[in-house]
Amino acid sequence: MVGYFDIDDIITEEEPVSVIFQEAVNGVGIDPSSEQNYVEQVSKVELPFWLASELRRRNVVVAHAPGCFNQKTRVELPVDPAL
């Protein structure tokens, strides 16, 4: 339970992540304003990080890293003298 009360950990878990569903899924209510209770295959939605990571482990979705984690940023991080 490291970081259980850490606000940074809580915010990180709620960060929206863009995902694409690899298969149709029934019984999910991602959009409360929608009358549908399913998500079609290749639907692109934003989910909280905690849900996206669990669905990715089950090979239901493909997650895309946010723009702030692009290749240019990953190359620049190790060069930063503050690290």
PDB file of N, CA and C in Angstrom:
ATOM      1  N   MET A   1       0.812  -1.194   0.000  1.00  0.00           N
ATOM      2  CA  MET A   1       0.000   0.000   0.000  1.00  0.00           C
ATOM      3  C   MET A   1       0.857   1.261   0.000  1.00  0.00           C
ATOM      4  N   VAL A   2       2.010   1.167  -0.617  1.00  0.00           N
ATOM      5  CA  VAL A   2       2.868   2.335  -0.730  1.00  0.00           C
ATOM      6  C   VAL A   2       2.141   3.375  -1.565  1.00  0.00           C
ATOM      7  N   GLY A   3       2.084   4.588  -1.070  1.00  0.00           N
ATOM      8  CA  GLY A   3       1.451   5.667  -1.807  1.00  0.00           C
ATOM      9  C   GLY A   3      -0.061   5.656  -1.772  1.00  0.00           C
ATOM     10  N   TYR A   4      -0.661   4.917  -0.839  1.00  0.00           N
ATOM     11  CA  TYR A   4      -2.117   4.824  -0.793  1.00  0.00           C
ATOM     12  C   TYR A   4      -2.753   6.205  -0.615  1.00  0.00           C
ATOM     13  N   PHE A   5      -2.167   7.034   0.211  1.00  0.00           N
ATOM     14  CA  PHE A   5      -2.703   8.370   0.449  1.00  0.00           C
ATOM     15  C   PHE A   5      -1.941   9.450  -0.316  1.00  0.00           C
ATOM     16  N   ASP A   6      -1.050   9.051  -1.213  1.00  0.00           N
ATOM     17  CA  ASP A   6      -0.259  10.004  -1.982  1.00  0.00           C
ATOM     18  C   ASP A   6      -1.110  10.582  -3.107  1.00  0.00           C
ATOM     19  N   ILE A   7      -1.322  11.885  -3.075  1.00  0.00           N
ATOM     20  CA  ILE A   7      -2.186  12.527  -4.073  1.00  0.00           C
ATOM     21  C   ILE A   7      -1.633  12.368  -5.483  1.00  0.00           C
ATOM     22  N   ASP A   8      -0.317  12.333  -5.647  1.00  0.00           N
ATOM     23  CA  ASP A   8       0.265  12.139  -6.980  1.00  0.00           C
ATOM     24  C   ASP A   8      -0.094  10.770  -7.542  1.00  0.00           C
ATOM     25  N   ASP A   9      -0.071   9.731  -6.699  1.00  0.00           N
ATOM     26  CA  ASP A   9      -0.460   8.395  -7.147  1.00  0.00           C
ATOM     27  C   ASP A   9      -1.938   8.344  -7.516  1.00  0.00           C
ATOM     28  N   ILE A  10      -2.759   9.005  -6.738  1.00  0.00           N
ATOM     29  CA  ILE A  10      -4.205   9.014  -7.019  1.00  0.00           C
ATOM     30  C   ILE A  10      -4.481   9.709  -8.347  1.00  0.00           C
ATOM     31  N   ILE A  11      -3.844  10.851  -8.573  1.00  0.00           N
ATOM     32  CA  ILE A  11      -4.052  11.588  -9.825  1.00  0.00           C
ATOM     33  C   ILE A  11      -3.542  10.786 -11.012  1.00  0.00           C
ATOM     34  N   THR A  12      -2.394  10.123 -10.854  1.00  0.00           N
ATOM     35  CA  THR A  12      -1.830   9.317 -11.934  1.00  0.00           C
ATOM     36  C   THR A  12      -2.790   8.208 -12.335  1.00  0.00           C
ATOM     37  N   GLU A  13      -3.402   7.560 -11.362  1.00  0.00           N
ATOM     38  CA  GLU A  13      -4.323   6.464 -11.656  1.00  0.00           C
ATOM     39  C   GLU A  13      -5.569   6.952 -12.395  1.00  0.00           C
ATOM     40  N   GLU A  14      -5.934   8.202 -12.220  1.00  0.00           N
ATOM     41  CA  GLU A  14      -7.128   8.751 -12.867  1.00  0.00           C
ATOM     42  C   GLU A  14      -6.827   9.437 -14.191  1.00  0.00           C
ATOM     43  N   GLU A  15      -5.565   9.521 -14.577  1.00  0.00           N
ATOM     44  CA  GLU A  15      -5.173  10.173 -15.834  1.00  0.00           C
ATOM     45  C   GLU A  15      -5.845   9.473 -17.014  1.00  0.00           C
ATOM     46  N   PRO A  16      -6.533  10.220 -17.887  1.00  0.00           N
ATOM     47  CA  PRO A  16      -7.177   9.581 -19.034  1.00  0.00           C
ATOM     48  C   PRO A  16      -6.155   9.089 -20.061  1.00  0.00           C
ATOM     49  N   VAL A  17      -6.413   7.906 -20.593  1.00  0.00           N
ATOM     50  CA  VAL A  17      -5.545   7.285 -21.587  1.00  0.00           C
ATOM     51  C   VAL A  17      -6.406   6.922 -22.791  1.00  0.00           C
ATOM     52  N   SER A  18      -5.924   7.227 -23.977  1.00  0.00           N
ATOM     53  CA  SER A  18      -6.637   6.893 -25.203  1.00  0.00           C
ATOM     54  C   SER A  18      -6.402   5.416 -25.540  1.00  0.00           C
ATOM     55  N   VAL A  19      -7.486   4.673 -25.760  1.00  0.00           N
ATOM     56  CA  VAL A  19      -7.378   3.252 -26.092  1.00  0.00           C
ATOM     57  C   VAL A  19      -8.277   2.923 -27.284  1.00  0.00           C
ATOM     58  N   ILE A  20      -7.938   1.836 -27.959  1.00  0.00           N
ATOM     59  CA  ILE A  20      -8.762   1.310 -29.048  1.00  0.00           C
ATOM     60  C   ILE A  20      -9.119  -0.124 -28.690  1.00  0.00           C
ATOM     61  N   PHE A  21     -10.415  -0.425 -28.682  1.00  0.00           N
ATOM     62  CA  PHE A  21     -10.862  -1.769 -28.352  1.00  0.00           C
ATOM     63  C   PHE A  21     -10.549  -2.725 -29.492  1.00  0.00           C
ATOM     64  N   GLN A  22      -9.986  -3.877 -29.171  1.00  0.00           N
ATOM     65  CA  GLN A  22      -9.619  -4.890 -30.153  1.00  0.00           C
ATOM     66  C   GLN A  22     -10.759  -5.864 -30.426  1.00  0.00           C
ATOM     67  N   GLU A  23     -11.771  -5.838 -29.595  1.00  0.00           N
ATOM     68  CA  GLU A  23     -12.929  -6.706 -29.765  1.00  0.00           C
ATOM     69  C   GLU A  23     -14.149  -6.010 -29.191  1.00  0.00           C
ATOM     70  N   ALA A  24     -15.328  -6.421 -29.641  1.00  0.00           N
ATOM     71  CA  ALA A  24     -16.558  -5.858 -29.101  1.00  0.00           C
ATOM     72  C   ALA A  24     -16.747  -6.364 -27.677  1.00  0.00           C
ATOM     73  N   VAL A  25     -17.223  -5.484 -26.802  1.00  0.00           N
ATOM     74  CA  VAL A  25     -17.380  -5.832 -25.393  1.00  0.00           C
ATOM     75  C   VAL A  25     -18.795  -5.495 -24.956  1.00  0.00           C
ATOM     76  N   ASN A  26     -19.494  -6.460 -24.387  1.00  0.00           N
ATOM     77  CA  ASN A  26     -20.844  -6.250 -23.865  1.00  0.00           C
ATOM     78  C   ASN A  26     -20.793  -6.006 -22.367  1.00  0.00           C
ATOM     79  N   GLY A  27     -21.804  -5.320 -21.857  1.00  0.00           N
ATOM     80  CA  GLY A  27     -21.944  -5.133 -20.427  1.00  0.00           C
ATOM     81  C   GLY A  27     -21.080  -4.042 -19.838  1.00  0.00           C
ATOM     82  N   VAL A  28     -20.662  -3.099 -20.656  1.00  0.00           N
ATOM     83  CA  VAL A  28     -19.883  -1.979 -20.139  1.00  0.00           C
ATOM     84  C   VAL A  28     -20.654  -0.690 -20.373  1.00  0.00           C
ATOM     85  N   GLY A  29     -20.619   0.181 -19.425  1.00  0.00           N
ATOM     86  CA  GLY A  29     -21.290   1.462 -19.544  1.00  0.00           C
ATOM     87  C   GLY A  29     -20.280   2.579 -19.474  1.00  0.00           C
ATOM     88  N   ILE A  30     -19.442   2.718 -20.480  1.00  0.00           N
ATOM     89  CA  ILE A  30     -18.376   3.716 -20.460  1.00  0.00           C
ATOM     90  C   ILE A  30     -18.951   5.123 -20.538  1.00  0.00           C
ATOM     91  N   ASP A  31     -19.943   5.315 -21.369  1.00  0.00           N
ATOM     92  CA  ASP A  31     -20.556   6.635 -21.528  1.00  0.00           C
ATOM     93  C   ASP A  31     -21.931   6.625 -20.882  1.00  0.00           C
ATOM     94  N   PRO A  32     -22.099   7.281 -19.723  1.00  0.00           N
ATOM     95  CA  PRO A  32     -23.393   7.245 -19.031  1.00  0.00           C
ATOM     96  C   PRO A  32     -24.529   7.880 -19.820  1.00  0.00           C
ATOM     97  N   SER A  33     -24.228   8.774 -20.769  1.00  0.00           N
ATOM     98  CA  SER A  33     -25.280   9.417 -21.556  1.00  0.00           C
ATOM     99  C   SER A  33     -25.742   8.540 -22.722  1.00  0.00           C
ATOM    100  N   SER A  34     -25.016   7.452 -22.972  1.00  0.00           N
ATOM    101  CA  SER A  34     -25.347   6.568 -24.087  1.00  0.00           C
ATOM    102  C   SER A  34     -26.385   5.530 -23.658  1.00  0.00           C
ATOM    103  N   GLU A  35     -27.252   5.171 -24.579  1.00  0.00           N
ATOM    104  CA  GLU A  35     -28.249   4.135 -24.288  1.00  0.00           C
ATOM    105  C   GLU A  35     -27.675   2.746 -24.520  1.00  0.00           C
ATOM    106  N   GLN A  36     -26.549   2.652 -25.200  1.00  0.00           N
ATOM    107  CA  GLN A  36     -25.919   1.366 -25.476  1.00  0.00           C
ATOM    108  C   GLN A  36     -25.159   0.895 -24.250  1.00  0.00           C
ATOM    109  N   ASN A  37     -25.103  -0.418 -24.098  1.00  0.00           N
ATOM    110  CA  ASN A  37     -24.370  -1.014 -22.990  1.00  0.00           C
ATOM    111  C   ASN A  37     -23.232  -1.883 -23.530  1.00  0.00           C
ATOM    112  N   TYR A  38     -22.664  -1.472 -24.662  1.00  0.00           N
ATOM    113  CA  TYR A  38     -21.553  -2.220 -25.249  1.00  0.00           C
ATOM    114  C   TYR A  38     -20.635  -1.272 -26.009  1.00  0.00           C
ATOM    115  N   VAL A  39     -19.451  -1.771 -26.296  1.00  0.00           N
ATOM    116  CA  VAL A  39     -18.469  -1.018 -27.072  1.00  0.00           C
ATOM    117  C   VAL A  39     -18.120  -1.854 -28.288  1.00  0.00           C
ATOM    118  N   GLU A  40     -18.179  -1.254 -29.453  1.00  0.00           N
ATOM    119  CA  GLU A  40     -17.878  -1.978 -30.685  1.00  0.00           C
ATOM    120  C   GLU A  40     -16.373  -2.095 -30.897  1.00  0.00           C
ATOM    121  N   GLN A  41     -15.994  -3.086 -31.691  1.00  0.00           N
ATOM    122  CA  GLN A  41     -14.582  -3.289 -32.026  1.00  0.00           C
ATOM    123  C   GLN A  41     -14.055  -2.050 -32.745  1.00  0.00           C
ATOM    124  N   VAL A  42     -12.802  -1.723 -32.541  1.00  0.00           N
ATOM    125  CA  VAL A  42     -12.063  -0.570 -33.063  1.00  0.00           C
ATOM    126  C   VAL A  42     -12.645   0.776 -32.618  1.00  0.00           C
ATOM    127  N   SER A  43     -13.419   0.784 -31.542  1.00  0.00           N
ATOM    128  CA  SER A  43     -13.883   2.044 -30.972  1.00  0.00           C
ATOM    129  C   SER A  43     -12.743   2.691 -30.209  1.00  0.00           C
ATOM    130  N   LYS A  44     -12.575   3.994 -30.398  1.00  0.00           N
ATOM    131  CA  LYS A  44     -11.533   4.727 -29.693  1.00  0.00           C
ATOM    132  C   LYS A  44     -12.191   5.525 -28.570  1.00  0.00           C
ATOM    133  N   VAL A  45     -11.753   5.283 -27.347  1.00  0.00           N
ATOM    134  CA  VAL A  45     -12.304   5.977 -26.182  1.00  0.00           C
ATOM    135  C   VAL A  45     -11.170   6.354 -25.233  1.00  0.00           C
ATOM    136  N   GLU A  46     -11.474   7.244 -24.312  1.00  0.00           N
ATOM    137  CA  GLU A  46     -10.521   7.585 -23.262  1.00  0.00           C
ATOM    138  C   GLU A  46     -11.011   6.968 -21.960  1.00  0.00           C
ATOM    139  N   LEU A  47     -10.110   6.264 -21.288  1.00  0.00           N
ATOM    140  CA  LEU A  47     -10.424   5.595 -20.030  1.00  0.00           C
ATOM    141  C   LEU A  47      -9.421   6.025 -18.972  1.00  0.00           C
ATOM    142  N   PRO A  48      -9.802   5.921 -17.696  1.00  0.00           N
ATOM    143  CA  PRO A  48      -8.813   6.188 -16.653  1.00  0.00           C
ATOM    144  C   PRO A  48      -7.669   5.175 -16.746  1.00  0.00           C
ATOM    145  N   PHE A  49      -6.485   5.595 -16.348  1.00  0.00           N
ATOM    146  CA  PHE A  49      -5.302   4.746 -16.459  1.00  0.00           C
ATOM    147  C   PHE A  49      -5.503   3.382 -15.803  1.00  0.00           C
ATOM    148  N   TRP A  50      -6.120   3.341 -14.615  1.00  0.00           N
ATOM    149  CA  TRP A  50      -6.272   2.077 -13.894  1.00  0.00           C
ATOM    150  C   TRP A  50      -7.104   1.081 -14.700  1.00  0.00           C
ATOM    151  N   LEU A  51      -8.129   1.560 -15.406  1.00  0.00           N
ATOM    152  CA  LEU A  51      -8.970   0.669 -16.198  1.00  0.00           C
ATOM    153  C   LEU A  51      -8.280   0.290 -17.506  1.00  0.00           C
ATOM    154  N   ALA A  52      -7.637   1.253 -18.143  1.00  0.00           N
ATOM    155  CA  ALA A  52      -6.936   0.985 -19.400  1.00  0.00           C
ATOM    156  C   ALA A  52      -5.827  -0.042 -19.195  1.00  0.00           C
ATOM    157  N   SER A  53      -5.096   0.066 -18.098  1.00  0.00           N
ATOM    158  CA  SER A  53      -3.993  -0.880 -17.866  1.00  0.00           C
ATOM    159  C   SER A  53      -4.513  -2.292 -17.619  1.00  0.00           C
ATOM    160  N   GLU A  54      -5.636  -2.426 -16.929  1.00  0.00           N
ATOM    161  CA  GLU A  54      -6.207  -3.760 -16.689  1.00  0.00           C
ATOM    162  C   GLU A  54      -6.748  -4.363 -17.986  1.00  0.00           C
ATOM    163  N   LEU A  55      -7.424  -3.575 -18.793  1.00  0.00           N
ATOM    164  CA  LEU A  55      -7.939  -4.079 -20.070  1.00  0.00           C
ATOM    165  C   LEU A  55      -6.802  -4.417 -21.027  1.00  0.00           C
ATOM    166  N   ARG A  56      -5.716  -3.680 -20.956  1.00  0.00           N
ATOM    167  CA  ARG A  56      -4.546  -3.973 -21.797  1.00  0.00           C
ATOM    168  C   ARG A  56      -3.925  -5.307 -21.401  1.00  0.00           C
ATOM    169  N   ARG A  57      -3.848  -5.581 -20.098  1.00  0.00           N
ATOM    170  CA  ARG A  57      -3.320  -6.870 -19.635  1.00  0.00           C
ATOM    171  C   ARG A  57      -4.149  -8.036 -20.159  1.00  0.00           C
ATOM    172  N   ARG A  58      -5.420  -7.795 -20.355  1.00  0.00           N
ATOM    173  CA  ARG A  58      -6.329  -8.848 -20.845  1.00  0.00           C
ATOM    174  C   ARG A  58      -6.423  -8.861 -22.375  1.00  0.00           C
ATOM    175  N   ASN A  59      -5.615  -8.048 -23.030  1.00  0.00           N
ATOM    176  CA  ASN A  59      -5.578  -7.950 -24.500  1.00  0.00           C
ATOM    177  C   ASN A  59      -6.917  -7.544 -25.100  1.00  0.00           C
ATOM    178  N   VAL A  60      -7.655  -6.700 -24.385  1.00  0.00           N
ATOM    179  CA  VAL A  60      -8.934  -6.207 -24.890  1.00  0.00           C
ATOM    180  C   VAL A  60      -8.741  -4.885 -25.621  1.00  0.00           C
ATOM    181  N   VAL A  61      -7.758  -4.097 -25.192  1.00  0.00           N
ATOM    182  CA  VAL A  61      -7.518  -2.798 -25.798  1.00  0.00           C
ATOM    183  C   VAL A  61      -6.040  -2.634 -26.134  1.00  0.00           C
ATOM    184  N   VAL A  62      -5.791  -1.672 -27.015  1.00  0.00           N
ATOM    185  CA  VAL A  62      -4.431  -1.215 -27.292  1.00  0.00           C
ATOM    186  C   VAL A  62      -4.377   0.212 -26.766  1.00  0.00           C
ATOM    187  N   ALA A  63      -3.458   0.469 -25.843  1.00  0.00           N
ATOM    188  CA  ALA A  63      -3.341   1.795 -25.245  1.00  0.00           C
ATOM    189  C   ALA A  63      -2.303   2.615 -25.992  1.00  0.00           C
ATOM    190  N   HIS A  64      -2.567   3.897 -26.081  1.00  0.00           N
ATOM    191  CA  HIS A  64      -1.634   4.823 -26.722  1.00  0.00           C
ATOM    192  C   HIS A  64      -1.101   5.778 -25.669  1.00  0.00           C
ATOM    193  N   ALA A  65       0.207   5.935 -25.653  1.00  0.00           N
ATOM    194  CA  ALA A  65       0.835   6.839 -24.686  1.00  0.00           C
ATOM    195  C   ALA A  65       0.431   8.273 -24.983  1.00  0.00           C
ATOM    196  N   PRO A  66       0.223   9.064 -23.934  1.00  0.00           N
ATOM    197  CA  PRO A  66      -0.087  10.485 -24.154  1.00  0.00           C
ATOM    198  C   PRO A  66       1.036  11.178 -24.907  1.00  0.00           C
ATOM    199  N   GLY A  67       0.709  12.278 -25.549  1.00  0.00           N
ATOM    200  CA  GLY A  67       1.676  13.007 -26.360  1.00  0.00           C
ATOM    201  C   GLY A  67       2.910  13.446 -25.602  1.00  0.00           C
ATOM    202  N   CYS A  68       2.776  13.658 -24.295  1.00  0.00           N
ATOM    203  CA  CYS A  68       3.931  14.110 -23.515  1.00  0.00           C
ATOM    204  C   CYS A  68       4.973  13.002 -23.356  1.00  0.00           C
ATOM    205  N   PHE A  69       4.659  11.777 -23.763  1.00  0.00           N
ATOM    206  CA  PHE A  69       5.606  10.665 -23.685  1.00  0.00           C
ATOM    207  C   PHE A  69       6.057  10.214 -25.073  1.00  0.00           C
ATOM    208  N   ASN A  70       6.109  11.137 -26.013  1.00  0.00           N
ATOM    209  CA  ASN A  70       6.526  10.779 -27.365  1.00  0.00           C
ATOM    210  C   ASN A  70       8.027  10.481 -27.415  1.00  0.00           C
ATOM    211  N   GLN A  71       8.511  10.075 -28.547  1.00  0.00           N
ATOM    212  CA  GLN A  71       9.914   9.674 -28.700  1.00  0.00           C
ATOM    213  C   GLN A  71      10.868  10.822 -28.384  1.00  0.00           C
ATOM    214  N   LYS A  72      10.537  12.025 -28.800  1.00  0.00           N
ATOM    215  CA  LYS A  72      11.406  13.173 -28.549  1.00  0.00           C
ATOM    216  C   LYS A  72      11.579  13.396 -27.046  1.00  0.00           C
ATOM    217  N   THR A  73      10.520  13.298 -26.303  1.00  0.00           N
ATOM    218  CA  THR A  73      10.587  13.485 -24.854  1.00  0.00           C
ATOM    219  C   THR A  73      11.410  12.391 -24.198  1.00  0.00           C
ATOM    220  N   ARG A  74      11.236  11.161 -24.633  1.00  0.00           N
ATOM    221  CA  ARG A  74      12.001  10.049 -24.047  1.00  0.00           C
ATOM    222  C   ARG A  74      13.494  10.193 -24.310  1.00  0.00           C
ATOM    223  N   VAL A  75      13.858  10.798 -25.430  1.00  0.00           N
ATOM    224  CA  VAL A  75      15.273  11.010 -25.742  1.00  0.00           C
ATOM    225  C   VAL A  75      15.826  12.157 -24.876  1.00  0.00           C
ATOM    226  N   GLU A  76      15.021  13.197 -24.642  1.00  0.00           N
ATOM    227  CA  GLU A  76      15.482  14.367 -23.903  1.00  0.00           C
ATOM    228  C   GLU A  76      15.577  14.130 -22.398  1.00  0.00           C
ATOM    229  N   LEU A  77      14.774  13.259 -21.839  1.00  0.00           N
ATOM    230  CA  LEU A  77      14.775  13.052 -20.388  1.00  0.00           C
ATOM    231  C   LEU A  77      16.121  12.631 -19.822  1.00  0.00           C
ATOM    232  N   PRO A  78      16.807  11.649 -20.388  1.00  0.00           N
ATOM    233  CA  PRO A  78      18.098  11.266 -19.808  1.00  0.00           C
ATOM    234  C   PRO A  78      19.175  12.351 -19.947  1.00  0.00           C
ATOM    235  N   VAL A  79      18.987  13.308 -20.839  1.00  0.00           N
ATOM    236  CA  VAL A  79      19.965  14.362 -21.071  1.00  0.00           C
ATOM    237  C   VAL A  79      19.821  15.479 -20.056  1.00  0.00           C
ATOM    238  N   ASP A  80      18.663  15.609 -19.445  1.00  0.00           N
ATOM    239  CA  ASP A  80      18.382  16.684 -18.515  1.00  0.00           C
ATOM    240  C   ASP A  80      19.323  16.609 -17.306  1.00  0.00           C
ATOM    241  N   PRO A  81      20.093  17.668 -17.034  1.00  0.00           N
ATOM    242  CA  PRO A  81      21.020  17.636 -15.914  1.00  0.00           C
ATOM    243  C   PRO A  81      20.332  17.603 -14.552  1.00  0.00           C
ATOM    244  N   ALA A  82      19.062  17.977 -14.496  1.00  0.00           N
ATOM    245  CA  ALA A  82      18.343  17.979 -13.217  1.00  0.00           C
ATOM    246  C   ALA A  82      18.015  16.573 -12.753  1.00  0.00           C
ATOM    247  N   LEU A  83      18.085  15.597 -13.633  1.00  0.00           N
ATOM    248  CA  LEU A  83      17.752  14.231 -13.247  1.00  0.00           C
ATOM    249  C   LEU A  83      18.886  13.610 -12.586  1.00  0.00           C
TER     250      LEU A  83
END
